Amino acid sequence: EAPAAGVTAGRLAALIGCERATLAPSTLHLFWDLFGMVGGAGCAIYLDAGAYPVARWGAERAAAGGVPLHIFAAGDVAALRRLLRQHRPVGGRLRPIVVTDGFRPGGGAVPLGAYLACVRTFGGKLIVDDTQALGIFGHSASAARPYGLGGGGSLRRWGIGGKDVVVVSSLAKAFGVPMAVMAGSRELIDWFEARSETRVHCSPPSLAAIHAAEHAPDLNDEQGDALRLRL
């Protein structure tokens, strides 16, 4: 991978609100790998029915490998909580992975804080496809600035985060860059990069895409809040 990739990934991790990040050509590459790694980890996947299809494809790969996959109604925290209680084995050894979008066009905000509270009760992880929110939503939203400031996405918008949260996002929406980023704890990203299949068997993001991704945070810092206010 190009040396500039690490610097760019670090800037994106700071923007999103995570310790570390890694780059990939698309969210499909990231979800394919991430869900392909959870098979032997004693996990079960709980998928919000409104989640974007690419995340669903990754979850289906895990299910094909024997990982239990449960789907609950979009945005239904009570349904998720019931499923977690129902499927938790004696001793709580089956850790839940809750998968959701951060924001759905036409569907509005997703109750990420409530999902995260459920995950923490059972010692699992929350995986957020934040493609529609990164570069748009940020912290300190108000009536005058409904999108908030900074453009860091859903974690910044709701003031949540932690080692049990993973963000996967395309940069092709608000930032106009044809590549993707995954952000999370330092340990998780190190683990992912050491085991990734697509980092071995597929080409990395092109230099042109990486340079565009270097440029996008500069524009976001300089003009992002003004552009979002105009929007």
C-alpha atoms as a PDB file:
ATOM      1  CA  GLU A   1       0.000   0.000   0.000  1.00  0.00           C
ATOM      2  CA  ALA A   2       1.167   3.528  -0.721  1.00  0.00           C
ATOM      3  CA  PRO A   3       2.956   5.334   2.145  1.00  0.00           C
ATOM      4  CA  ALA A   4       0.402   8.156   1.943  1.00  0.00           C
ATOM      5  CA  ALA A   5      -2.381   5.702   2.795  1.00  0.00           C
ATOM      6  CA  GLY A   6      -1.401   5.554   6.469  1.00  0.00           C
ATOM      7  CA  VAL A   7      -1.356   9.317   6.868  1.00  0.00           C
ATOM      8  CA  THR A   8      -4.716   9.690   5.155  1.00  0.00           C
ATOM      9  CA  ALA A   9      -6.223   6.885   7.215  1.00  0.00           C
ATOM     10  CA  GLY A  10      -4.996   8.580  10.384  1.00  0.00           C
ATOM     11  CA  ARG A  11      -6.670  11.858   9.472  1.00  0.00           C
ATOM     12  CA  LEU A  12      -9.931  10.071   8.711  1.00  0.00           C
ATOM     13  CA  ALA A  13      -9.791   8.165  12.005  1.00  0.00           C
ATOM     14  CA  ALA A  14      -9.430  11.458  13.891  1.00  0.00           C
ATOM     15  CA  LEU A  15     -12.304  12.987  11.935  1.00  0.00           C
ATOM     16  CA  ILE A  16     -14.609  10.031  12.626  1.00  0.00           C
ATOM     17  CA  GLY A  17     -13.618   9.791  16.287  1.00  0.00           C
ATOM     18  CA  CYS A  18     -11.721   6.478  16.376  1.00  0.00           C
ATOM     19  CA  GLU A  19      -8.188   5.441  17.306  1.00  0.00           C
ATOM     20  CA  ARG A  20      -7.126   4.072  13.934  1.00  0.00           C
ATOM     21  CA  ALA A  21      -8.387   3.467  10.407  1.00  0.00           C
ATOM     22  CA  THR A  22      -7.514   1.534   7.260  1.00  0.00           C
ATOM     23  CA  LEU A  23      -8.340   2.159   3.609  1.00  0.00           C
ATOM     24  CA  ALA A  24      -9.821  -0.124   0.947  1.00  0.00           C
ATOM     25  CA  PRO A  25     -11.124   0.224  -2.606  1.00  0.00           C
ATOM     26  CA  SER A  26     -14.748  -0.137  -1.453  1.00  0.00           C
ATOM     27  CA  THR A  27     -17.005  -0.964   1.480  1.00  0.00           C
ATOM     28  CA  LEU A  28     -17.569  -4.371  -0.138  1.00  0.00           C
ATOM     29  CA  HIS A  29     -13.890  -5.220   0.330  1.00  0.00           C
ATOM     30  CA  LEU A  30     -14.093  -4.182   3.997  1.00  0.00           C
ATOM     31  CA  PHE A  31     -17.346  -5.933   4.849  1.00  0.00           C
ATOM     32  CA  TRP A  32     -16.325  -9.082   2.954  1.00  0.00           C
ATOM     33  CA  ASP A  33     -13.140  -9.352   5.002  1.00  0.00           C
ATOM     34  CA  LEU A  34     -14.524  -8.229   8.339  1.00  0.00           C
ATOM     35  CA  PHE A  35     -17.401 -10.692   8.363  1.00  0.00           C
ATOM     36  CA  GLY A  36     -15.205 -13.432   6.953  1.00  0.00           C
ATOM     37  CA  MET A  37     -13.047 -13.161  10.077  1.00  0.00           C
ATOM     38  CA  VAL A  38     -15.739 -13.605  12.732  1.00  0.00           C
ATOM     39  CA  GLY A  39     -16.516 -17.254  12.044  1.00  0.00           C
ATOM     40  CA  GLY A  40     -14.387 -18.700  14.819  1.00  0.00           C
ATOM     41  CA  ALA A  41     -14.850 -15.864  17.244  1.00  0.00           C
ATOM     42  CA  GLY A  42     -17.953 -17.083  19.073  1.00  0.00           C
ATOM     43  CA  CYS A  43     -20.198 -14.363  17.642  1.00  0.00           C
ATOM     44  CA  ALA A  44     -23.759 -13.936  16.437  1.00  0.00           C
ATOM     45  CA  ILE A  45     -24.812 -11.184  14.035  1.00  0.00           C
ATOM     46  CA  TYR A  46     -27.896  -9.005  14.541  1.00  0.00           C
ATOM     47  CA  LEU A  47     -28.703  -7.075  11.367  1.00  0.00           C
ATOM     48  CA  ASP A  48     -30.991  -4.048  11.243  1.00  0.00           C
ATOM     49  CA  ALA A  49     -33.414  -4.805   8.392  1.00  0.00           C
ATOM     50  CA  GLY A  50     -32.842  -1.341   6.970  1.00  0.00           C
ATOM     51  CA  ALA A  51     -29.095  -1.814   6.581  1.00  0.00           C
ATOM     52  CA  TYR A  52     -27.626  -1.107   3.154  1.00  0.00           C
ATOM     53  CA  PRO A  53     -27.204  -4.235   0.969  1.00  0.00           C
ATOM     54  CA  VAL A  54     -23.374  -4.219   0.986  1.00  0.00           C
ATOM     55  CA  ALA A  55     -23.286  -4.713   4.757  1.00  0.00           C
ATOM     56  CA  ARG A  56     -25.923  -7.418   4.341  1.00  0.00           C
ATOM     57  CA  TRP A  57     -23.731  -9.222   1.801  1.00  0.00           C
ATOM     58  CA  GLY A  58     -20.922  -9.313   4.323  1.00  0.00           C
ATOM     59  CA  ALA A  59     -23.221 -10.655   7.024  1.00  0.00           C
ATOM     60  CA  GLU A  60     -24.461 -13.332   4.626  1.00  0.00           C
ATOM     61  CA  ARG A  61     -20.874 -14.441   4.062  1.00  0.00           C
ATOM     62  CA  ALA A  62     -20.503 -14.952   7.804  1.00  0.00           C
ATOM     63  CA  ALA A  63     -23.825 -16.817   7.909  1.00  0.00           C
ATOM     64  CA  ALA A  64     -22.633 -19.121   5.104  1.00  0.00           C
ATOM     65  CA  GLY A  65     -19.685 -19.960   7.362  1.00  0.00           C
ATOM     66  CA  GLY A  66     -21.974 -20.947  10.224  1.00  0.00           C
ATOM     67  CA  VAL A  67     -22.277 -17.698  12.186  1.00  0.00           C
ATOM     68  CA  PRO A  68     -25.852 -17.220  13.503  1.00  0.00           C
ATOM     69  CA  LEU A  69     -27.567 -14.330  11.687  1.00  0.00           C
ATOM     70  CA  HIS A  70     -30.711 -12.650  13.049  1.00  0.00           C
ATOM     71  CA  ILE A  71     -32.578  -9.784  11.385  1.00  0.00           C
ATOM     72  CA  PHE A  72     -34.682  -7.320  13.362  1.00  0.00           C
ATOM     73  CA  ALA A  73     -37.042  -4.560  12.219  1.00  0.00           C
ATOM     74  CA  ALA A  74     -35.354  -1.315  11.199  1.00  0.00           C
ATOM     75  CA  GLY A  75     -34.799   0.965  14.173  1.00  0.00           C
ATOM     76  CA  ASP A  76     -36.591  -1.355  16.603  1.00  0.00           C
ATOM     77  CA  VAL A  77     -34.510  -1.266  19.779  1.00  0.00           C
ATOM     78  CA  ALA A  78     -37.024  -3.344  21.742  1.00  0.00           C
ATOM     79  CA  ALA A  79     -36.896  -6.105  19.107  1.00  0.00           C
ATOM     80  CA  LEU A  80     -33.096  -6.117  19.210  1.00  0.00           C
ATOM     81  CA  ARG A  81     -33.108  -6.320  22.990  1.00  0.00           C
ATOM     82  CA  ARG A  82     -35.545  -9.260  22.908  1.00  0.00           C
ATOM     83  CA  LEU A  83     -33.378 -11.130  20.397  1.00  0.00           C
ATOM     84  CA  LEU A  84     -30.237 -10.583  22.432  1.00  0.00           C
ATOM     85  CA  ARG A  85     -31.891 -11.914  25.571  1.00  0.00           C
ATOM     86  CA  GLN A  86     -33.491 -14.823  23.728  1.00  0.00           C
ATOM     87  CA  HIS A  87     -30.339 -16.058  22.003  1.00  0.00           C
ATOM     88  CA  ARG A  88     -27.811 -15.446  24.734  1.00  0.00           C
ATOM     89  CA  PRO A  89     -26.484 -18.875  25.782  1.00  0.00           C
ATOM     90  CA  VAL A  90     -25.705 -19.894  29.325  1.00  0.00           C
ATOM     91  CA  GLY A  91     -22.536 -18.109  30.381  1.00  0.00           C
ATOM     92  CA  GLY A  92     -22.952 -15.409  27.736  1.00  0.00           C
ATOM     93  CA  ARG A  93     -20.225 -16.809  25.482  1.00  0.00           C
ATOM     94  CA  LEU A  94     -21.899 -15.834  22.179  1.00  0.00           C
ATOM     95  CA  ARG A  95     -20.932 -12.196  21.664  1.00  0.00           C
ATOM     96  CA  PRO A  96     -23.377 -10.122  19.592  1.00  0.00           C
ATOM     97  CA  ILE A  97     -22.367  -8.057  16.569  1.00  0.00           C
ATOM     98  CA  VAL A  98     -25.054  -5.492  15.753  1.00  0.00           C
ATOM     99  CA  VAL A  99     -24.922  -4.168  12.185  1.00  0.00           C
ATOM    100  CA  THR A 100     -26.706  -1.005  11.073  1.00  0.00           C
ATOM    101  CA  ASP A 101     -26.519   2.125   8.965  1.00  0.00           C
ATOM    102  CA  GLY A 102     -25.755   5.381  10.738  1.00  0.00           C
ATOM    103  CA  PHE A 103     -28.305   7.275   8.664  1.00  0.00           C
ATOM    104  CA  ARG A 104     -30.797   6.161   6.023  1.00  0.00           C
ATOM    105  CA  PRO A 105     -32.020   8.613   3.363  1.00  0.00           C
ATOM    106  CA  GLY A 106     -35.792   8.666   3.622  1.00  0.00           C
ATOM    107  CA  GLY A 107     -35.626   6.752   6.880  1.00  0.00           C
ATOM    108  CA  GLY A 108     -33.879   9.280   9.063  1.00  0.00           C
ATOM    109  CA  ALA A 109     -31.605   8.790  12.026  1.00  0.00           C
ATOM    110  CA  VAL A 110     -30.912   5.380  13.525  1.00  0.00           C
ATOM    111  CA  PRO A 111     -30.923   4.934  17.352  1.00  0.00           C
ATOM    112  CA  LEU A 112     -27.197   4.233  17.543  1.00  0.00           C
ATOM    113  CA  GLY A 113     -26.900   5.174  21.212  1.00  0.00           C
ATOM    114  CA  ALA A 114     -29.594   2.667  22.170  1.00  0.00           C
ATOM    115  CA  TYR A 115     -28.028  -0.006  19.966  1.00  0.00           C
ATOM    116  CA  LEU A 116     -24.662   0.585  21.612  1.00  0.00           C
ATOM    117  CA  ALA A 117     -26.204   0.300  25.082  1.00  0.00           C
ATOM    118  CA  CYS A 118     -27.656  -3.085  24.078  1.00  0.00           C
ATOM    119  CA  VAL A 119     -24.303  -4.216  22.707  1.00  0.00           C
ATOM    120  CA  ARG A 120     -22.477  -3.240  25.877  1.00  0.00           C
ATOM    121  CA  THR A 121     -24.932  -5.111  28.062  1.00  0.00           C
ATOM    122  CA  PHE A 122     -23.923  -8.305  26.277  1.00  0.00           C
ATOM    123  CA  GLY A 123     -20.242  -7.558  25.610  1.00  0.00           C
ATOM    124  CA  GLY A 124     -20.466  -7.264  21.820  1.00  0.00           C
ATOM    125  CA  LYS A 125     -19.671  -4.795  19.058  1.00  0.00           C
ATOM    126  CA  LEU A 126     -21.597  -2.259  16.998  1.00  0.00           C
ATOM    127  CA  ILE A 127     -20.717  -2.028  13.286  1.00  0.00           C
ATOM    128  CA  VAL A 128     -21.995   1.107  11.561  1.00  0.00           C
ATOM    129  CA  ASP A 129     -22.139   1.697   7.815  1.00  0.00           C
ATOM    130  CA  ASP A 130     -21.792   5.476   7.931  1.00  0.00           C
ATOM    131  CA  THR A 131     -21.600   6.136   4.208  1.00  0.00           C
ATOM    132  CA  GLN A 132     -24.547   8.551   4.168  1.00  0.00           C
ATOM    133  CA  ALA A 133     -23.441  10.510   7.256  1.00  0.00           C
ATOM    134  CA  LEU A 134     -19.666  10.929   6.944  1.00  0.00           C
ATOM    135  CA  GLY A 135     -18.895  14.402   5.652  1.00  0.00           C
ATOM    136  CA  ILE A 136     -22.433  15.637   6.369  1.00  0.00           C
ATOM    137  CA  PHE A 137     -23.274  15.287  10.065  1.00  0.00           C
ATOM    138  CA  GLY A 138     -21.078  16.437  12.917  1.00  0.00           C
ATOM    139  CA  HIS A 139     -21.078  17.651  16.496  1.00  0.00           C
ATOM    140  CA  SER A 140     -22.982  20.542  18.090  1.00  0.00           C
ATOM    141  CA  ALA A 141     -26.055  20.481  15.859  1.00  0.00           C
ATOM    142  CA  SER A 142     -28.548  23.313  16.402  1.00  0.00           C
ATOM    143  CA  ALA A 143     -31.501  24.935  14.705  1.00  0.00           C
ATOM    144  CA  ALA A 144     -29.093  27.281  12.953  1.00  0.00           C
ATOM    145  CA  ARG A 145     -26.705  24.449  11.978  1.00  0.00           C
ATOM    146  CA  PRO A 146     -28.850  21.321  11.626  1.00  0.00           C
ATOM    147  CA  TYR A 147     -25.967  19.212  10.278  1.00  0.00           C
ATOM    148  CA  GLY A 148     -23.637  20.253  13.071  1.00  0.00           C
ATOM    149  CA  LEU A 149     -19.937  20.993  12.712  1.00  0.00           C
ATOM    150  CA  GLY A 150     -16.945  19.083  11.434  1.00  0.00           C
ATOM    151  CA  GLY A 151     -18.573  16.455   9.215  1.00  0.00           C
ATOM    152  CA  GLY A 152     -17.231  13.515  11.249  1.00  0.00           C
ATOM    153  CA  GLY A 153     -20.381  11.448  10.818  1.00  0.00           C
ATOM    154  CA  SER A 154     -22.676   9.598  13.176  1.00  0.00           C
ATOM    155  CA  LEU A 155     -20.317   9.044  16.106  1.00  0.00           C
ATOM    156  CA  ARG A 156     -19.639  12.778  16.270  1.00  0.00           C
ATOM    157  CA  ARG A 157     -23.311  13.584  15.774  1.00  0.00           C
ATOM    158  CA  TRP A 158     -24.464  11.494  18.738  1.00  0.00           C
ATOM    159  CA  GLY A 159     -21.357  11.808  20.913  1.00  0.00           C
ATOM    160  CA  ILE A 160     -20.722   8.067  21.076  1.00  0.00           C
ATOM    161  CA  GLY A 161     -17.682   5.868  20.527  1.00  0.00           C
ATOM    162  CA  GLY A 162     -15.393   3.348  22.136  1.00  0.00           C
ATOM    163  CA  LYS A 163     -13.443   0.194  21.402  1.00  0.00           C
ATOM    164  CA  ASP A 164     -16.686  -1.686  20.784  1.00  0.00           C
ATOM    165  CA  VAL A 165     -17.689   0.520  17.816  1.00  0.00           C
ATOM    166  CA  VAL A 166     -16.536  -0.023  14.214  1.00  0.00           C
ATOM    167  CA  VAL A 167     -17.320   2.423  11.397  1.00  0.00           C
ATOM    168  CA  VAL A 168     -17.215   1.417   7.740  1.00  0.00           C
ATOM    169  CA  SER A 169     -17.838   4.160   5.206  1.00  0.00           C
ATOM    170  CA  SER A 170     -17.487   4.933   1.562  1.00  0.00           C
ATOM    171  CA  LEU A 171     -15.849   8.275   0.809  1.00  0.00           C
ATOM    172  CA  ALA A 172     -17.708   8.505  -2.505  1.00  0.00           C
ATOM    173  CA  LYS A 173     -20.676  10.467  -1.163  1.00  0.00           C
ATOM    174  CA  ALA A 174     -19.904  13.727   0.649  1.00  0.00           C
ATOM    175  CA  PHE A 175     -16.165  13.564  -0.104  1.00  0.00           C
ATOM    176  CA  GLY A 176     -16.432  12.415  -3.729  1.00  0.00           C
ATOM    177  CA  VAL A 177     -13.557   9.908  -3.466  1.00  0.00           C
ATOM    178  CA  PRO A 178     -14.009   6.376  -4.912  1.00  0.00           C
ATOM    179  CA  MET A 179     -12.684   4.388  -1.969  1.00  0.00           C
ATOM    180  CA  ALA A 180     -13.642   3.385   1.578  1.00  0.00           C
ATOM    181  CA  VAL A 181     -12.409   3.549   5.160  1.00  0.00           C
ATOM    182  CA  MET A 182     -12.868   1.378   8.232  1.00  0.00           C
ATOM    183  CA  ALA A 183     -12.237   2.991  11.630  1.00  0.00           C
ATOM    184  CA  GLY A 184     -12.185   1.502  15.100  1.00  0.00           C
ATOM    185  CA  SER A 185      -9.885   0.677  17.967  1.00  0.00           C
ATOM    186  CA  ARG A 186      -6.167   0.290  17.335  1.00  0.00           C
ATOM    187  CA  GLU A 187      -6.345  -3.384  18.286  1.00  0.00           C
ATOM    188  CA  LEU A 188      -9.211  -4.126  15.910  1.00  0.00           C
ATOM    189  CA  ILE A 189      -7.638  -2.400  12.905  1.00  0.00           C
ATOM    190  CA  ASP A 190      -4.299  -4.120  13.565  1.00  0.00           C
ATOM    191  CA  TRP A 191      -6.153  -7.454  13.766  1.00  0.00           C
ATOM    192  CA  PHE A 192      -8.030  -6.714  10.553  1.00  0.00           C
ATOM    193  CA  GLU A 193      -4.973  -5.727   8.546  1.00  0.00           C
ATOM    194  CA  ALA A 194      -3.065  -8.813   9.676  1.00  0.00           C
ATOM    195  CA  ARG A 195      -5.848 -11.156   8.508  1.00  0.00           C
ATOM    196  CA  SER A 196      -7.403  -9.335   5.552  1.00  0.00           C
ATOM    197  CA  GLU A 197      -7.818 -11.482   2.452  1.00  0.00           C
ATOM    198  CA  THR A 198      -8.572  -8.627   0.059  1.00  0.00           C
ATOM    199  CA  ARG A 199      -5.366  -6.824   1.104  1.00  0.00           C
ATOM    200  CA  VAL A 200      -3.526  -9.897  -0.218  1.00  0.00           C
ATOM    201  CA  HIS A 201      -5.632 -10.912  -3.208  1.00  0.00           C
ATOM    202  CA  CYS A 202      -7.006  -7.565  -4.495  1.00  0.00           C
ATOM    203  CA  SER A 203      -5.377  -4.334  -5.575  1.00  0.00           C
ATOM    204  CA  PRO A 204      -5.190  -1.521  -2.999  1.00  0.00           C
ATOM    205  CA  PRO A 205      -6.809   1.879  -3.558  1.00  0.00           C
ATOM    206  CA  SER A 206      -5.164   3.674  -6.465  1.00  0.00           C
ATOM    207  CA  LEU A 207      -2.716   6.501  -5.893  1.00  0.00           C
ATOM    208  CA  ALA A 208      -5.184   8.873  -7.529  1.00  0.00           C
ATOM    209  CA  ALA A 209      -7.878   7.893  -5.036  1.00  0.00           C
ATOM    210  CA  ILE A 210      -5.482   8.193  -2.095  1.00  0.00           C
ATOM    211  CA  HIS A 211      -4.406  11.678  -3.197  1.00  0.00           C
ATOM    212  CA  ALA A 212      -8.066  12.666  -3.564  1.00  0.00           C
ATOM    213  CA  ALA A 213      -8.675  11.341  -0.051  1.00  0.00           C
ATOM    214  CA  GLU A 214      -5.740  13.439   1.177  1.00  0.00           C
ATOM    215  CA  HIS A 215      -7.329  16.524  -0.366  1.00  0.00           C
ATOM    216  CA  ALA A 216     -10.875  15.934   0.926  1.00  0.00           C
ATOM    217  CA  PRO A 217     -10.094  16.518   4.651  1.00  0.00           C
ATOM    218  CA  ASP A 218      -8.297  19.748   3.721  1.00  0.00           C
ATOM    219  CA  LEU A 219     -11.400  21.002   1.943  1.00  0.00           C
ATOM    220  CA  ASN A 220     -13.543  19.797   4.832  1.00  0.00           C
ATOM    221  CA  ASP A 221     -11.404  21.772   7.303  1.00  0.00           C
ATOM    222  CA  GLU A 222     -11.382  24.905   5.180  1.00  0.00           C
ATOM    223  CA  GLN A 223     -14.867  24.986   3.668  1.00  0.00           C
ATOM    224  CA  GLY A 224     -16.892  22.062   5.043  1.00  0.00           C
ATOM    225  CA  ASP A 225     -18.993  23.875   7.630  1.00  0.00           C
ATOM    226  CA  ALA A 226     -19.852  26.670   5.189  1.00  0.00           C
ATOM    227  CA  LEU A 227     -20.827  24.150   2.504  1.00  0.00           C
ATOM    228  CA  ARG A 228     -22.973  22.176   4.932  1.00  0.00           C
ATOM    229  CA  LEU A 229     -24.677  25.360   6.116  1.00  0.00           C
ATOM    230  CA  ARG A 230     -25.413  26.270   2.509  1.00  0.00           C
ATOM    231  CA  LEU A 231     -26.768  22.772   1.911  1.00  0.00           C
END
